[in-house]
Amino acid sequence: MSLPKFILGDNTEFPNAIYVVHTEFPRFIINLENDDVEWFEDFDAEDQKELETETENAIKEATEFYDSEVAKYNE
């Protein structure tokens, strides 16, 4: 199965939370309400530098994806 890079998610138990799932490495889910990130990967010390760069870029892309999707709904 081919997945999109980002997937939007919500849950009625957390009505203010807006989730974006990043399906490529490093895989994570971010709650845009409070910027909490949950990783689906295990990292070691060698990965730390790459992770910092990739995380910053991926979170920026996730936020831009959300903004783009919401703009489409509002058209």
N, C-alpha and C. Protein backbone atom coordinates (compact mmCIF):
# COMPACT_ATOMS: atom_id res chain seq x y z
N MET A 1 0.85 -1.17 0.00
CA MET A 1 0.00 0.00 0.00
C MET A 1 0.90 1.24 0.00
N SER A 2 0.51 2.20 -0.77
CA SER A 2 1.23 3.47 -0.82
C SER A 2 0.51 4.47 0.06
N LEU A 3 1.27 5.10 0.96
CA LEU A 3 0.68 6.08 1.88
C LEU A 3 1.14 7.48 1.51
N PRO A 4 0.29 8.48 1.76
CA PRO A 4 0.76 9.86 1.60
C PRO A 4 1.76 10.18 2.70
N LYS A 5 2.57 11.18 2.47
CA LYS A 5 3.59 11.56 3.44
C LYS A 5 2.97 12.04 4.74
N PHE A 6 1.83 12.74 4.66
CA PHE A 6 1.14 13.26 5.84
C PHE A 6 -0.31 12.81 5.83
N ILE A 7 -0.85 12.56 7.01
CA ILE A 7 -2.26 12.20 7.19
C ILE A 7 -2.80 13.02 8.35
N LEU A 8 -3.97 13.65 8.14
CA LEU A 8 -4.63 14.39 9.23
C LEU A 8 -5.42 13.42 10.08
N GLY A 9 -5.50 13.71 11.38
CA GLY A 9 -6.27 12.88 12.28
C GLY A 9 -6.91 13.70 13.38
N ASP A 10 -8.02 13.19 13.90
CA ASP A 10 -8.65 13.81 15.06
C ASP A 10 -9.29 12.71 15.89
N ASN A 11 -9.75 13.07 17.08
CA ASN A 11 -10.33 12.11 17.99
C ASN A 11 -11.31 12.86 18.89
N THR A 12 -12.51 12.34 19.01
CA THR A 12 -13.53 13.02 19.81
C THR A 12 -13.18 13.09 21.29
N GLU A 13 -12.30 12.20 21.77
CA GLU A 13 -11.88 12.26 23.17
C GLU A 13 -10.95 13.43 23.43
N PHE A 14 -10.37 13.99 22.37
CA PHE A 14 -9.49 15.15 22.46
C PHE A 14 -9.96 16.19 21.46
N PRO A 15 -11.07 16.87 21.75
CA PRO A 15 -11.73 17.72 20.74
C PRO A 15 -10.90 18.91 20.26
N ASN A 16 -9.93 19.37 21.02
CA ASN A 16 -9.11 20.50 20.59
C ASN A 16 -7.83 20.08 19.87
N ALA A 17 -7.53 18.80 19.91
CA ALA A 17 -6.29 18.30 19.31
C ALA A 17 -6.46 18.15 17.80
N ILE A 18 -5.41 18.49 17.09
CA ILE A 18 -5.33 18.28 15.65
C ILE A 18 -4.04 17.53 15.41
N TYR A 19 -4.15 16.32 14.85
CA TYR A 19 -2.98 15.48 14.66
C TYR A 19 -2.57 15.44 13.20
N VAL A 20 -1.26 15.43 12.98
CA VAL A 20 -0.71 15.16 11.66
C VAL A 20 0.25 13.99 11.84
N VAL A 21 0.03 12.95 11.04
CA VAL A 21 0.88 11.77 11.08
C VAL A 21 1.87 11.87 9.92
N HIS A 22 3.16 11.76 10.22
CA HIS A 22 4.22 11.76 9.22
C HIS A 22 4.60 10.30 9.00
N THR A 23 4.39 9.80 7.77
CA THR A 23 4.53 8.37 7.51
C THR A 23 5.90 7.96 7.00
N GLU A 24 6.78 8.92 6.76
CA GLU A 24 8.13 8.61 6.28
C GLU A 24 9.13 8.81 7.42
N PHE A 25 10.35 8.28 7.24
CA PHE A 25 11.37 8.44 8.28
C PHE A 25 11.73 9.89 8.47
N PRO A 26 11.79 10.38 9.66
CA PRO A 26 11.46 9.72 10.92
C PRO A 26 9.95 9.79 11.16
N ARG A 27 9.31 8.65 11.34
CA ARG A 27 7.86 8.60 11.49
C ARG A 27 7.44 9.13 12.86
N PHE A 28 6.41 9.97 12.85
CA PHE A 28 5.92 10.55 14.10
C PHE A 28 4.49 11.03 13.92
N ILE A 29 3.87 11.36 15.03
CA ILE A 29 2.58 12.04 15.04
C ILE A 29 2.77 13.30 15.88
N ILE A 30 2.26 14.41 15.37
CA ILE A 30 2.36 15.68 16.10
C ILE A 30 0.97 16.18 16.40
N ASN A 31 0.78 16.65 17.60
CA ASN A 31 -0.46 17.30 18.00
C ASN A 31 -0.22 18.80 17.82
N LEU A 32 -0.86 19.40 16.82
CA LEU A 32 -0.63 20.80 16.52
C LEU A 32 -1.21 21.75 17.57
N GLU A 33 -2.05 21.23 18.44
CA GLU A 33 -2.59 22.06 19.52
C GLU A 33 -1.48 22.50 20.47
N ASN A 34 -0.54 21.59 20.75
CA ASN A 34 0.49 21.90 21.73
C ASN A 34 1.90 21.48 21.27
N ASP A 35 2.02 21.06 20.03
CA ASP A 35 3.30 20.65 19.41
C ASP A 35 3.94 19.44 20.08
N ASP A 36 3.16 18.62 20.79
CA ASP A 36 3.68 17.36 21.32
C ASP A 36 3.95 16.41 20.16
N VAL A 37 5.09 15.73 20.22
CA VAL A 37 5.47 14.78 19.18
C VAL A 37 5.64 13.40 19.80
N GLU A 38 5.07 12.39 19.15
CA GLU A 38 5.24 11.00 19.55
C GLU A 38 5.96 10.30 18.40
N TRP A 39 7.11 9.70 18.68
CA TRP A 39 7.93 9.05 17.67
C TRP A 39 7.54 7.60 17.50
N PHE A 40 7.58 7.12 16.26
CA PHE A 40 7.36 5.71 15.97
C PHE A 40 8.70 5.03 15.64
N GLU A 41 9.78 5.69 15.92
CA GLU A 41 11.14 5.19 15.64
C GLU A 41 11.92 5.14 16.95
N ASP A 42 12.92 4.29 16.99
CA ASP A 42 13.89 4.28 18.08
C ASP A 42 15.17 4.89 17.55
N PHE A 43 15.76 5.79 18.31
CA PHE A 43 16.95 6.49 17.88
C PHE A 43 18.10 6.22 18.84
N ASP A 44 19.30 6.21 18.29
CA ASP A 44 20.49 6.11 19.14
C ASP A 44 21.27 7.42 19.07
N ALA A 45 22.35 7.50 19.80
CA ALA A 45 23.12 8.74 19.87
C ALA A 45 23.65 9.17 18.51
N GLU A 46 23.97 8.23 17.64
CA GLU A 46 24.48 8.55 16.31
C GLU A 46 23.43 9.25 15.45
N ASP A 47 22.17 8.96 15.71
CA ASP A 47 21.08 9.55 14.94
C ASP A 47 20.73 10.96 15.40
N GLN A 48 21.22 11.39 16.55
CA GLN A 48 20.78 12.62 17.19
C GLN A 48 20.90 13.85 16.29
N LYS A 49 22.05 14.06 15.65
CA LYS A 49 22.27 15.24 14.83
C LYS A 49 21.32 15.25 13.63
N GLU A 50 21.24 14.11 12.94
CA GLU A 50 20.33 14.01 11.79
C GLU A 50 18.90 14.19 12.24
N LEU A 51 18.55 13.63 13.38
CA LEU A 51 17.19 13.74 13.90
C LEU A 51 16.80 15.19 14.16
N GLU A 52 17.71 15.97 14.72
CA GLU A 52 17.40 17.37 15.01
C GLU A 52 17.06 18.12 13.72
N THR A 53 17.85 17.92 12.68
CA THR A 53 17.61 18.59 11.40
C THR A 53 16.33 18.08 10.76
N GLU A 54 16.18 16.77 10.70
CA GLU A 54 15.00 16.18 10.07
C GLU A 54 13.73 16.56 10.82
N THR A 55 13.80 16.61 12.14
CA THR A 55 12.63 16.95 12.94
C THR A 55 12.16 18.36 12.65
N GLU A 56 13.07 19.28 12.65
CA GLU A 56 12.71 20.67 12.38
C GLU A 56 12.03 20.79 11.02
N ASN A 57 12.60 20.17 10.01
CA ASN A 57 12.03 20.23 8.67
C ASN A 57 10.68 19.52 8.60
N ALA A 58 10.58 18.34 9.19
CA ALA A 58 9.35 17.56 9.12
C ALA A 58 8.20 18.25 9.85
N ILE A 59 8.48 18.85 10.99
CA ILE A 59 7.43 19.54 11.73
C ILE A 59 6.97 20.78 10.96
N LYS A 60 7.89 21.48 10.35
CA LYS A 60 7.53 22.63 9.52
C LYS A 60 6.65 22.16 8.35
N GLU A 61 7.03 21.07 7.70
CA GLU A 61 6.24 20.53 6.59
C GLU A 61 4.87 20.07 7.06
N ALA A 62 4.79 19.45 8.24
CA ALA A 62 3.51 18.99 8.79
C ALA A 62 2.57 20.16 9.03
N THR A 63 3.11 21.24 9.57
CA THR A 63 2.30 22.44 9.81
C THR A 63 1.84 23.06 8.49
N GLU A 64 2.73 23.12 7.51
CA GLU A 64 2.35 23.65 6.19
C GLU A 64 1.30 22.77 5.53
N PHE A 65 1.43 21.44 5.68
CA PHE A 65 0.44 20.51 5.15
C PHE A 65 -0.93 20.79 5.77
N TYR A 66 -0.98 20.93 7.08
CA TYR A 66 -2.24 21.22 7.77
C TYR A 66 -2.85 22.52 7.25
N ASP A 67 -2.05 23.57 7.19
CA ASP A 67 -2.55 24.87 6.71
C ASP A 67 -3.11 24.75 5.29
N SER A 68 -2.43 24.01 4.44
CA SER A 68 -2.88 23.81 3.06
C SER A 68 -4.20 23.04 3.01
N GLU A 69 -4.30 22.00 3.82
CA GLU A 69 -5.54 21.21 3.85
C GLU A 69 -6.72 22.03 4.35
N VAL A 70 -6.51 22.80 5.40
CA VAL A 70 -7.59 23.63 5.95
C VAL A 70 -8.01 24.69 4.92
N ALA A 71 -7.07 25.27 4.23
CA ALA A 71 -7.39 26.27 3.20
C ALA A 71 -8.26 25.65 2.12
N LYS A 72 -8.03 24.40 1.76
CA LYS A 72 -8.85 23.71 0.75
C LYS A 72 -10.28 23.53 1.23
N TYR A 73 -10.45 23.23 2.51
CA TYR A 73 -11.80 23.07 3.06
C TYR A 73 -12.54 24.41 3.11
N ASN A 74 -11.82 25.49 3.26
CA ASN A 74 -12.44 26.80 3.39
C ASN A 74 -12.72 27.48 2.05
N GLU A 75 -12.34 26.82 0.96
CA GLU A 75 -12.57 27.44 -0.37
C GLU A 75 -14.02 27.36 -0.77
